[in-house]
Amino acid sequence: REATQLALERDGFAVTAMPDGLSGLESFRADRPDIALLDVMLPGL
């Protein structure tokens, strides 16, 4: 998560990184990002 976030930010993306599915869903609903990258195996959801 941390390495990929740094790599994407170096390429000019603004990144919101979340550690689990439930926080990811909450962040999506609050921020409405332009694109979502989702790991298949996530805790919670």
ModelCIF file with pLDDT and N, C-alpha, C, O atoms, coordinates in Angstrom:
data_MODEL
#
_entry.id   MODEL 
#
_entity.id                         1 
_entity.type                       polymer 
_entity.pdbx_number_of_molecules   1 
#
_entity_poly.entity_id                      1 
_entity_poly.type                           'polypeptide(L)' 
_entity_poly.nstd_linkage                   no 
_entity_poly.nstd_monomer                   no 
_entity_poly.pdbx_seq_one_letter_code       REATQLALERDGFAVTAMPDGLSGLESFRADRPDIALLDVMLPGL 
_entity_poly.pdbx_seq_one_letter_code_can   REATQLALERDGFAVTAMPDGLSGLESFRADRPDIALLDVMLPGL 
_entity_poly.pdbx_strand_id                 A 
#
loop_
_entity_poly_seq.entity_id 
_entity_poly_seq.num 
_entity_poly_seq.mon_id 
_entity_poly_seq.hetero 
1 1  ARG n 
1 2  GLU n 
1 3  ALA n 
1 4  THR n 
1 5  GLN n 
1 6  LEU n 
1 7  ALA n 
1 8  LEU n 
1 9  GLU n 
1 10 ARG n 
1 11 ASP n 
1 12 GLY n 
1 13 PHE n 
1 14 ALA n 
1 15 VAL n 
1 16 THR n 
1 17 ALA n 
1 18 MET n 
1 19 PRO n 
1 20 ASP n 
1 21 GLY n 
1 22 LEU n 
1 23 SER n 
1 24 GLY n 
1 25 LEU n 
1 26 GLU n 
1 27 SER n 
1 28 PHE n 
1 29 ARG n 
1 30 ALA n 
1 31 ASP n 
1 32 ARG n 
1 33 PRO n 
1 34 ASP n 
1 35 ILE n 
1 36 ALA n 
1 37 LEU n 
1 38 LEU n 
1 39 ASP n 
1 40 VAL n 
1 41 MET n 
1 42 LEU n 
1 43 PRO n 
1 44 GLY n 
1 45 LEU n 
#
_struct_asym.id          A 
_struct_asym.entity_id   1 
#
loop_
_ma_qa_metric.id 
_ma_qa_metric.mode 
_ma_qa_metric.name 
_ma_qa_metric.software_group_id 
_ma_qa_metric.type 
1 global pLDDT . pLDDT 
2 local  pLDDT . pLDDT 
#
_ma_qa_metric_global.metric_id      1 
_ma_qa_metric_global.metric_value   95.29 
_ma_qa_metric_global.model_id       1 
_ma_qa_metric_global.ordinal_id     1 
#
loop_
_ma_qa_metric_local.label_asym_id 
_ma_qa_metric_local.label_comp_id 
_ma_qa_metric_local.label_seq_id 
_ma_qa_metric_local.metric_id 
_ma_qa_metric_local.metric_value 
_ma_qa_metric_local.model_id 
_ma_qa_metric_local.ordinal_id 
A ARG 1  2 95.00 1 1  
A GLU 2  2 96.00 1 2  
A ALA 3  2 94.00 1 3  
A THR 4  2 95.00 1 4  
A GLN 5  2 96.00 1 5  
A LEU 6  2 95.00 1 6  
A ALA 7  2 93.00 1 7  
A LEU 8  2 95.00 1 8  
A GLU 9  2 95.00 1 9  
A ARG 10 2 94.00 1 10 
A ASP 11 2 93.00 1 11 
A GLY 12 2 94.00 1 12 
A PHE 13 2 95.00 1 13 
A ALA 14 2 96.00 1 14 
A VAL 15 2 97.00 1 15 
A THR 16 2 97.00 1 16 
A ALA 17 2 98.00 1 17 
A MET 18 2 98.00 1 18 
A PRO 19 2 97.00 1 19 
A ASP 20 2 97.00 1 20 
A GLY 21 2 96.00 1 21 
A LEU 22 2 97.00 1 22 
A SER 23 2 97.00 1 23 
A GLY 24 2 97.00 1 24 
A LEU 25 2 97.00 1 25 
A GLU 26 2 97.00 1 26 
A SER 27 2 97.00 1 27 
A PHE 28 2 97.00 1 28 
A ARG 29 2 95.00 1 29 
A ALA 30 2 95.00 1 30 
A ASP 31 2 93.00 1 31 
A ARG 32 2 93.00 1 32 
A PRO 33 2 95.00 1 33 
A ASP 34 2 95.00 1 34 
A ILE 35 2 96.00 1 35 
A ALA 36 2 97.00 1 36 
A LEU 37 2 97.00 1 37 
A LEU 38 2 97.00 1 38 
A ASP 39 2 94.00 1 39 
A VAL 40 2 92.00 1 40 
A MET 41 2 90.00 1 41 
A LEU 42 2 94.00 1 42 
A PRO 43 2 94.00 1 43 
A GLY 44 2 91.00 1 44 
A LEU 45 2 95.00 1 45 
#
loop_
_atom_site.group_PDB 
_atom_site.id 
_atom_site.type_symbol 
_atom_site.label_atom_id 
_atom_site.label_alt_id 
_atom_site.label_comp_id 
_atom_site.label_asym_id 
_atom_site.label_entity_id 
_atom_site.label_seq_id 
_atom_site.pdbx_PDB_ins_code 
_atom_site.Cartn_x 
_atom_site.Cartn_y 
_atom_site.Cartn_z 
_atom_site.occupancy 
_atom_site.B_iso_or_equiv 
_atom_site.pdbx_formal_charge 
_atom_site.auth_seq_id 
_atom_site.auth_comp_id 
_atom_site.auth_asym_id 
_atom_site.auth_atom_id 
_atom_site.pdbx_PDB_model_num 
ATOM 1   N N  . ARG A 1 1  ? 0.823   -1.215  0.000   1.00 95.00 ? 1  ARG A N  1 
ATOM 2   C CA . ARG A 1 1  ? 0.000   0.000   0.000   1.00 95.00 ? 1  ARG A CA 1 
ATOM 3   C C  . ARG A 1 1  ? 0.855   1.263   0.000   1.00 95.00 ? 1  ARG A C  1 
ATOM 4   O O  . ARG A 1 1  ? 0.623   2.178   -0.790  1.00 95.00 ? 1  ARG A O  1 
ATOM 5   N N  . GLU A 1 2  ? 1.842   1.307   0.889   1.00 96.00 ? 2  GLU A N  1 
ATOM 6   C CA . GLU A 1 2  ? 2.668   2.507   1.001   1.00 96.00 ? 2  GLU A CA 1 
ATOM 7   C C  . GLU A 1 2  ? 3.562   2.699   -0.213  1.00 96.00 ? 2  GLU A C  1 
ATOM 8   O O  . GLU A 1 2  ? 3.701   3.817   -0.710  1.00 96.00 ? 2  GLU A O  1 
ATOM 9   N N  . ALA A 1 3  ? 4.174   1.612   -0.699  1.00 94.00 ? 3  ALA A N  1 
ATOM 10  C CA . ALA A 1 3  ? 5.066   1.724   -1.852  1.00 94.00 ? 3  ALA A CA 1 
ATOM 11  C C  . ALA A 1 3  ? 4.297   2.131   -3.108  1.00 94.00 ? 3  ALA A C  1 
ATOM 12  O O  . ALA A 1 3  ? 4.763   2.965   -3.885  1.00 94.00 ? 3  ALA A O  1 
ATOM 13  N N  . THR A 1 4  ? 3.118   1.538   -3.302  1.00 95.00 ? 4  THR A N  1 
ATOM 14  C CA . THR A 1 4  ? 2.319   1.856   -4.486  1.00 95.00 ? 4  THR A CA 1 
ATOM 15  C C  . THR A 1 4  ? 1.793   3.289   -4.406  1.00 95.00 ? 4  THR A C  1 
ATOM 16  O O  . THR A 1 4  ? 1.776   3.999   -5.412  1.00 95.00 ? 4  THR A O  1 
ATOM 17  N N  . GLN A 1 5  ? 1.375   3.706   -3.245  1.00 96.00 ? 5  GLN A N  1 
ATOM 18  C CA . GLN A 1 5  ? 0.900   5.084   -3.087  1.00 96.00 ? 5  GLN A CA 1 
ATOM 19  C C  . GLN A 1 5  ? 1.996   6.075   -3.452  1.00 96.00 ? 5  GLN A C  1 
ATOM 20  O O  . GLN A 1 5  ? 1.745   7.041   -4.172  1.00 96.00 ? 5  GLN A O  1 
ATOM 21  N N  . LEU A 1 6  ? 3.200   5.846   -2.965  1.00 95.00 ? 6  LEU A N  1 
ATOM 22  C CA . LEU A 1 6  ? 4.314   6.740   -3.290  1.00 95.00 ? 6  LEU A CA 1 
ATOM 23  C C  . LEU A 1 6  ? 4.605   6.748   -4.785  1.00 95.00 ? 6  LEU A C  1 
ATOM 24  O O  . LEU A 1 6  ? 4.865   7.800   -5.369  1.00 95.00 ? 6  LEU A O  1 
ATOM 25  N N  . ALA A 1 7  ? 4.558   5.559   -5.405  1.00 93.00 ? 7  ALA A N  1 
ATOM 26  C CA . ALA A 1 7  ? 4.836   5.461   -6.839  1.00 93.00 ? 7  ALA A CA 1 
ATOM 27  C C  . ALA A 1 7  ? 3.795   6.228   -7.650  1.00 93.00 ? 7  ALA A C  1 
ATOM 28  O O  . ALA A 1 7  ? 4.135   6.934   -8.599  1.00 93.00 ? 7  ALA A O  1 
ATOM 29  N N  . LEU A 1 8  ? 2.531   6.085   -7.273  1.00 95.00 ? 8  LEU A N  1 
ATOM 30  C CA . LEU A 1 8  ? 1.466   6.779   -8.000  1.00 95.00 ? 8  LEU A CA 1 
ATOM 31  C C  . LEU A 1 8  ? 1.551   8.286   -7.787  1.00 95.00 ? 8  LEU A C  1 
ATOM 32  O O  . LEU A 1 8  ? 1.314   9.061   -8.713  1.00 95.00 ? 8  LEU A O  1 
ATOM 33  N N  . GLU A 1 9  ? 1.884   8.694   -6.587  1.00 95.00 ? 9  GLU A N  1 
ATOM 34  C CA . GLU A 1 9  ? 2.016   10.128  -6.313  1.00 95.00 ? 9  GLU A CA 1 
ATOM 35  C C  . GLU A 1 9  ? 3.180   10.729  -7.087  1.00 95.00 ? 9  GLU A C  1 
ATOM 36  O O  . GLU A 1 9  ? 3.100   11.874  -7.533  1.00 95.00 ? 9  GLU A O  1 
ATOM 37  N N  . ARG A 1 10 ? 4.262   9.973   -7.250  1.00 94.00 ? 10 ARG A N  1 
ATOM 38  C CA . ARG A 1 10 ? 5.383   10.462  -8.052  1.00 94.00 ? 10 ARG A CA 1 
ATOM 39  C C  . ARG A 1 10 ? 4.977   10.675  -9.504  1.00 94.00 ? 10 ARG A C  1 
ATOM 40  O O  . ARG A 1 10 ? 5.535   11.523  -10.201 1.00 94.00 ? 10 ARG A O  1 
ATOM 41  N N  . ASP A 1 11 ? 3.974   9.874   -9.961  1.00 93.00 ? 11 ASP A N  1 
ATOM 42  C CA . ASP A 1 11 ? 3.494   10.025  -11.335 1.00 93.00 ? 11 ASP A CA 1 
ATOM 43  C C  . ASP A 1 11 ? 2.386   11.055  -11.448 1.00 93.00 ? 11 ASP A C  1 
ATOM 44  O O  . ASP A 1 11 ? 1.767   11.177  -12.505 1.00 93.00 ? 11 ASP A O  1 
ATOM 45  N N  . GLY A 1 12 ? 2.123   11.795  -10.388 1.00 94.00 ? 12 GLY A N  1 
ATOM 46  C CA . GLY A 1 12 ? 1.196   12.911  -10.464 1.00 94.00 ? 12 GLY A CA 1 
ATOM 47  C C  . GLY A 1 12 ? -0.230  12.639  -10.026 1.00 94.00 ? 12 GLY A C  1 
ATOM 48  O O  . GLY A 1 12 ? -1.093  13.505  -10.167 1.00 94.00 ? 12 GLY A O  1 
ATOM 49  N N  . PHE A 1 13 ? -0.499  11.436  -9.492  1.00 95.00 ? 13 PHE A N  1 
ATOM 50  C CA . PHE A 1 13 ? -1.843  11.109  -9.020  1.00 95.00 ? 13 PHE A CA 1 
ATOM 51  C C  . PHE A 1 13 ? -2.022  11.549  -7.572  1.00 95.00 ? 13 PHE A C  1 
ATOM 52  O O  . PHE A 1 13 ? -1.076  11.531  -6.785  1.00 95.00 ? 13 PHE A O  1 
ATOM 53  N N  . ALA A 1 14 ? -3.226  11.937  -7.236  1.00 96.00 ? 14 ALA A N  1 
ATOM 54  C CA . ALA A 1 14 ? -3.589  12.142  -5.842  1.00 96.00 ? 14 ALA A CA 1 
ATOM 55  C C  . ALA A 1 14 ? -4.179  10.829  -5.334  1.00 96.00 ? 14 ALA A C  1 
ATOM 56  O O  . ALA A 1 14 ? -5.127  10.310  -5.922  1.00 96.00 ? 14 ALA A O  1 
ATOM 57  N N  . VAL A 1 15 ? -3.631  10.292  -4.255  1.00 97.00 ? 15 VAL A N  1 
ATOM 58  C CA . VAL A 1 15 ? -3.984  8.945   -3.817  1.00 97.00 ? 15 VAL A CA 1 
ATOM 59  C C  . VAL A 1 15 ? -4.563  8.960   -2.397  1.00 97.00 ? 15 VAL A C  1 
ATOM 60  O O  . VAL A 1 15 ? -3.986  9.542   -1.478  1.00 97.00 ? 15 VAL A O  1 
ATOM 61  N N  . THR A 1 16 ? -5.713  8.307   -2.247  1.00 97.00 ? 16 THR A N  1 
ATOM 62  C CA . THR A 1 16 ? -6.251  7.992   -0.933  1.00 97.00 ? 16 THR A CA 1 
ATOM 63  C C  . THR A 1 16 ? -6.103  6.485   -0.740  1.00 97.00 ? 16 THR A C  1 
ATOM 64  O O  . THR A 1 16 ? -6.706  5.705   -1.477  1.00 97.00 ? 16 THR A O  1 
ATOM 65  N N  . ALA A 1 17 ? -5.311  6.076   0.236   1.00 98.00 ? 17 ALA A N  1 
ATOM 66  C CA . ALA A 1 17 ? -5.027  4.655   0.458   1.00 98.00 ? 17 ALA A CA 1 
ATOM 67  C C  . ALA A 1 17 ? -5.751  4.171   1.710   1.00 98.00 ? 17 ALA A C  1 
ATOM 68  O O  . ALA A 1 17 ? -5.659  4.789   2.771   1.00 98.00 ? 17 ALA A O  1 
ATOM 69  N N  . MET A 1 18 ? -6.465  3.068   1.577   1.00 98.00 ? 18 MET A N  1 
ATOM 70  C CA . MET A 1 18 ? -7.218  2.500   2.691   1.00 98.00 ? 18 MET A CA 1 
ATOM 71  C C  . MET A 1 18 ? -6.826  1.030   2.883   1.00 98.00 ? 18 MET A C  1 
ATOM 72  O O  . MET A 1 18 ? -6.507  0.343   1.913   1.00 98.00 ? 18 MET A O  1 
ATOM 73  N N  . PRO A 1 19 ? -6.851  0.535   4.160   1.00 97.00 ? 19 PRO A N  1 
ATOM 74  C CA . PRO A 1 19 ? -6.354  -0.813  4.459   1.00 97.00 ? 19 PRO A CA 1 
ATOM 75  C C  . PRO A 1 19 ? -7.388  -1.922  4.414   1.00 97.00 ? 19 PRO A C  1 
ATOM 76  O O  . PRO A 1 19 ? -7.024  -3.094  4.521   1.00 97.00 ? 19 PRO A O  1 
ATOM 77  N N  . ASP A 1 20 ? -8.667  -1.595  4.260   1.00 97.00 ? 20 ASP A N  1 
ATOM 78  C CA . ASP A 1 20 ? -9.685  -2.644  4.262   1.00 97.00 ? 20 ASP A CA 1 
ATOM 79  C C  . ASP A 1 20 ? -10.898 -2.199  3.457   1.00 97.00 ? 20 ASP A C  1 
ATOM 80  O O  . ASP A 1 20 ? -11.037 -1.028  3.105   1.00 97.00 ? 20 ASP A O  1 
ATOM 81  N N  . GLY A 1 21 ? -11.770 -3.157  3.175   1.00 96.00 ? 21 GLY A N  1 
ATOM 82  C CA . GLY A 1 21 ? -12.899 -2.882  2.301   1.00 96.00 ? 21 GLY A CA 1 
ATOM 83  C C  . GLY A 1 21 ? -13.908 -1.897  2.852   1.00 96.00 ? 21 GLY A C  1 
ATOM 84  O O  . GLY A 1 21 ? -14.429 -1.067  2.108   1.00 96.00 ? 21 GLY A O  1 
ATOM 85  N N  . LEU A 1 22 ? -14.193 -1.973  4.139   1.00 97.00 ? 22 LEU A N  1 
ATOM 86  C CA . LEU A 1 22 ? -15.195 -1.090  4.723   1.00 97.00 ? 22 LEU A CA 1 
ATOM 87  C C  . LEU A 1 22 ? -14.733 0.365   4.719   1.00 97.00 ? 22 LEU A C  1 
ATOM 88  O O  . LEU A 1 22 ? -15.510 1.263   4.392   1.00 97.00 ? 22 LEU A O  1 
ATOM 89  N N  . SER A 1 23 ? -13.469 0.600   5.081   1.00 97.00 ? 23 SER A N  1 
ATOM 90  C CA . SER A 1 23 ? -12.954 1.969   5.035   1.00 97.00 ? 23 SER A CA 1 
ATOM 91  C C  . SER A 1 23 ? -12.829 2.450   3.593   1.00 97.00 ? 23 SER A C  1 
ATOM 92  O O  . SER A 1 23 ? -12.986 3.636   3.304   1.00 97.00 ? 23 SER A O  1 
ATOM 93  N N  . GLY A 1 24 ? -12.545 1.511   2.695   1.00 97.00 ? 24 GLY A N  1 
ATOM 94  C CA . GLY A 1 24 ? -12.497 1.873   1.277   1.00 97.00 ? 24 GLY A CA 1 
ATOM 95  C C  . GLY A 1 24 ? -13.847 2.314   0.766   1.00 97.00 ? 24 GLY A C  1 
ATOM 96  O O  . GLY A 1 24 ? -13.940 3.286   0.016   1.00 97.00 ? 24 GLY A O  1 
ATOM 97  N N  . LEU A 1 25 ? -14.905 1.609   1.164   1.00 97.00 ? 25 LEU A N  1 
ATOM 98  C CA . LEU A 1 25 ? -16.254 1.974   0.736   1.00 97.00 ? 25 LEU A CA 1 
ATOM 99  C C  . LEU A 1 25 ? -16.646 3.329   1.307   1.00 97.00 ? 25 LEU A C  1 
ATOM 100 O O  . LEU A 1 25 ? -17.228 4.158   0.608   1.00 97.00 ? 25 LEU A O  1 
ATOM 101 N N  . GLU A 1 26 ? -16.328 3.551   2.572   1.00 97.00 ? 26 GLU A N  1 
ATOM 102 C CA . GLU A 1 26 ? -16.633 4.836   3.203   1.00 97.00 ? 26 GLU A CA 1 
ATOM 103 C C  . GLU A 1 26 ? -15.907 5.977   2.493   1.00 97.00 ? 26 GLU A C  1 
ATOM 104 O O  . GLU A 1 26 ? -16.483 7.039   2.257   1.00 97.00 ? 26 GLU A O  1 
ATOM 105 N N  . SER A 1 27 ? -14.636 5.744   2.156   1.00 97.00 ? 27 SER A N  1 
ATOM 106 C CA . SER A 1 27 ? -13.855 6.767   1.457   1.00 97.00 ? 27 SER A CA 1 
ATOM 107 C C  . SER A 1 27 ? -14.412 7.029   0.065   1.00 97.00 ? 27 SER A C  1 
ATOM 108 O O  . SER A 1 27 ? -14.484 8.175   -0.380  1.00 97.00 ? 27 SER A O  1 
ATOM 109 N N  . PHE A 1 28 ? -14.806 5.955   -0.620  1.00 97.00 ? 28 PHE A N  1 
ATOM 110 C CA . PHE A 1 28 ? -15.371 6.125   -1.961  1.00 97.00 ? 28 PHE A CA 1 
ATOM 111 C C  . PHE A 1 28 ? -16.625 6.989   -1.916  1.00 97.00 ? 28 PHE A C  1 
ATOM 112 O O  . PHE A 1 28 ? -16.780 7.908   -2.719  1.00 97.00 ? 28 PHE A O  1 
ATOM 113 N N  . ARG A 1 29 ? -17.508 6.696   -0.987  1.00 95.00 ? 29 ARG A N  1 
ATOM 114 C CA . ARG A 1 29 ? -18.760 7.448   -0.896  1.00 95.00 ? 29 ARG A CA 1 
ATOM 115 C C  . ARG A 1 29 ? -18.536 8.893   -0.498  1.00 95.00 ? 29 ARG A C  1 
ATOM 116 O O  . ARG A 1 29 ? -19.290 9.775   -0.907  1.00 95.00 ? 29 ARG A O  1 
ATOM 117 N N  . ALA A 1 30 ? -17.503 9.142   0.298   1.00 95.00 ? 30 ALA A N  1 
ATOM 118 C CA . ALA A 1 30 ? -17.238 10.508  0.762   1.00 95.00 ? 30 ALA A CA 1 
ATOM 119 C C  . ALA A 1 30 ? -16.499 11.340  -0.280  1.00 95.00 ? 30 ALA A C  1 
ATOM 120 O O  . ALA A 1 30 ? -16.781 12.527  -0.442  1.00 95.00 ? 30 ALA A O  1 
ATOM 121 N N  . ASP A 1 31 ? -15.552 10.719  -0.987  1.00 93.00 ? 31 ASP A N  1 
ATOM 122 C CA . ASP A 1 31 ? -14.649 11.480  -1.858  1.00 93.00 ? 31 ASP A CA 1 
ATOM 123 C C  . ASP A 1 31 ? -14.947 11.376  -3.349  1.00 93.00 ? 31 ASP A C  1 
ATOM 124 O O  . ASP A 1 31 ? -14.534 12.243  -4.119  1.00 93.00 ? 31 ASP A O  1 
ATOM 125 N N  . ARG A 1 32 ? -15.657 10.328  -3.771  1.00 93.00 ? 32 ARG A N  1 
ATOM 126 C CA . ARG A 1 32 ? -15.960 10.109  -5.185  1.00 93.00 ? 32 ARG A CA 1 
ATOM 127 C C  . ARG A 1 32 ? -14.707 10.240  -6.059  1.00 93.00 ? 32 ARG A C  1 
ATOM 128 O O  . ARG A 1 32 ? -14.587 11.193  -6.830  1.00 93.00 ? 32 ARG A O  1 
ATOM 129 N N  . PRO A 1 33 ? -13.781 9.291   -5.941  1.00 95.00 ? 33 PRO A N  1 
ATOM 130 C CA . PRO A 1 33 ? -12.523 9.349   -6.710  1.00 95.00 ? 33 PRO A CA 1 
ATOM 131 C C  . PRO A 1 33 ? -12.764 9.151   -8.205  1.00 95.00 ? 33 PRO A C  1 
ATOM 132 O O  . PRO A 1 33 ? -13.858 8.784   -8.636  1.00 95.00 ? 33 PRO A O  1 
ATOM 133 N N  . ASP A 1 34 ? -11.712 9.403   -8.979  1.00 95.00 ? 34 ASP A N  1 
ATOM 134 C CA . ASP A 1 34 ? -11.795 9.240   -10.435 1.00 95.00 ? 34 ASP A CA 1 
ATOM 135 C C  . ASP A 1 34 ? -11.618 7.790   -10.860 1.00 95.00 ? 34 ASP A C  1 
ATOM 136 O O  . ASP A 1 34 ? -12.091 7.388   -11.922 1.00 95.00 ? 34 ASP A O  1 
ATOM 137 N N  . ILE A 1 35 ? -10.938 7.007   -10.033 1.00 96.00 ? 35 ILE A N  1 
ATOM 138 C CA . ILE A 1 35 ? -10.694 5.597   -10.341 1.00 96.00 ? 35 ILE A CA 1 
ATOM 139 C C  . ILE A 1 35 ? -10.419 4.866   -9.029  1.00 96.00 ? 35 ILE A C  1 
ATOM 140 O O  . ILE A 1 35 ? -9.886  5.451   -8.087  1.00 96.00 ? 35 ILE A O  1 
ATOM 141 N N  . ALA A 1 36 ? -10.785 3.584   -8.973  1.00 97.00 ? 36 ALA A N  1 
ATOM 142 C CA . ALA A 1 36 ? -10.560 2.784   -7.773  1.00 97.00 ? 36 ALA A CA 1 
ATOM 143 C C  . ALA A 1 36 ? -9.682  1.583   -8.098  1.00 97.00 ? 36 ALA A C  1 
ATOM 144 O O  . ALA A 1 36 ? -9.931  0.875   -9.074  1.00 97.00 ? 36 ALA A O  1 
ATOM 145 N N  . LEU A 1 37 ? -8.668  1.355   -7.293  1.00 97.00 ? 37 LEU A N  1 
ATOM 146 C CA . LEU A 1 37 ? -7.818  0.166   -7.369  1.00 97.00 ? 37 LEU A CA 1 
ATOM 147 C C  . LEU A 1 37 ? -8.135  -0.683  -6.149  1.00 97.00 ? 37 LEU A C  1 
ATOM 148 O O  . LEU A 1 37 ? -7.941  -0.241  -5.017  1.00 97.00 ? 37 LEU A O  1 
ATOM 149 N N  . LEU A 1 38 ? -8.617  -1.890  -6.368  1.00 97.00 ? 38 LEU A N  1 
ATOM 150 C CA . LEU A 1 38 ? -9.085  -2.722  -5.265  1.00 97.00 ? 38 LEU A CA 1 
ATOM 151 C C  . LEU A 1 38 ? -8.368  -4.064  -5.247  1.00 97.00 ? 38 LEU A C  1 
ATOM 152 O O  . LEU A 1 38 ? -8.394  -4.805  -6.229  1.00 97.00 ? 38 LEU A O  1 
ATOM 153 N N  . ASP A 1 39 ? -7.728  -4.371  -4.123  1.00 94.00 ? 39 ASP A N  1 
ATOM 154 C CA . ASP A 1 39 ? -7.180  -5.709  -3.954  1.00 94.00 ? 39 ASP A CA 1 
ATOM 155 C C  . ASP A 1 39 ? -8.337  -6.690  -3.802  1.00 94.00 ? 39 ASP A C  1 
ATOM 156 O O  . ASP A 1 39 ? -9.356  -6.357  -3.197  1.00 94.00 ? 39 ASP A O  1 
ATOM 157 N N  . VAL A 1 40 ? -8.190  -7.879  -4.341  1.00 92.00 ? 40 VAL A N  1 
ATOM 158 C CA . VAL A 1 40 ? -9.262  -8.872  -4.239  1.00 92.00 ? 40 VAL A CA 1 
ATOM 159 C C  . VAL A 1 40 ? -9.441  -9.335  -2.799  1.00 92.00 ? 40 VAL A C  1 
ATOM 160 O O  . VAL A 1 40 ? -10.565 -9.404  -2.302  1.00 92.00 ? 40 VAL A O  1 
ATOM 161 N N  . MET A 1 41 ? -8.339  -9.651  -2.129  1.00 90.00 ? 41 MET A N  1 
ATOM 162 C CA . MET A 1 41 ? -8.390  -10.189 -0.768  1.00 90.00 ? 41 MET A CA 1 
ATOM 163 C C  . MET A 1 41 ? -8.258  -9.055  0.233   1.00 90.00 ? 41 MET A C  1 
ATOM 164 O O  . MET A 1 41 ? -7.159  -8.563  0.489   1.00 90.00 ? 41 MET A O  1 
ATOM 165 N N  . LEU A 1 42 ? -9.391  -8.642  0.799   1.00 94.00 ? 42 LEU A N  1 
ATOM 166 C CA . LEU A 1 42 ? -9.406  -7.556  1.776   1.00 94.00 ? 42 LEU A CA 1 
ATOM 167 C C  . LEU A 1 42 ? -10.147 -8.011  3.029   1.00 94.00 ? 42 LEU A C  1 
ATOM 168 O O  . LEU A 1 42 ? -11.099 -8.785  2.933   1.00 94.00 ? 42 LEU A O  1 
ATOM 169 N N  . PRO A 1 43 ? -9.727  -7.544  4.195   1.00 94.00 ? 43 PRO A N  1 
ATOM 170 C CA . PRO A 1 43 ? -10.464 -7.865  5.425   1.00 94.00 ? 43 PRO A CA 1 
ATOM 171 C C  . PRO A 1 43 ? -11.746 -7.047  5.535   1.00 94.00 ? 43 PRO A C  1 
ATOM 172 O O  . PRO A 1 43 ? -11.845 -5.944  4.998   1.00 94.00 ? 43 PRO A O  1 
ATOM 173 N N  . GLY A 1 44 ? -12.715 -7.605  6.236   1.00 91.00 ? 44 GLY A N  1 
ATOM 174 C CA . GLY A 1 44 ? -13.970 -6.896  6.467   1.00 91.00 ? 44 GLY A CA 1 
ATOM 175 C C  . GLY A 1 44 ? -14.930 -7.012  5.309   1.00 91.00 ? 44 GLY A C  1 
ATOM 176 O O  . GLY A 1 44 ? -15.999 -7.611  5.432   1.00 91.00 ? 44 GLY A O  1 
ATOM 177 N N  . LEU A 1 45 ? -14.547 -6.438  4.182   1.00 95.00 ? 45 LEU A N  1 
ATOM 178 C CA . LEU A 1 45 ? -15.338 -6.481  2.950   1.00 95.00 ? 45 LEU A CA 1 
ATOM 179 C C  . LEU A 1 45 ? -14.362 -6.752  1.818   1.00 95.00 ? 45 LEU A C  1 
ATOM 180 O O  . LEU A 1 45 ? -14.769 -6.838  0.660   1.00 95.00 ? 45 LEU A O  1 
#
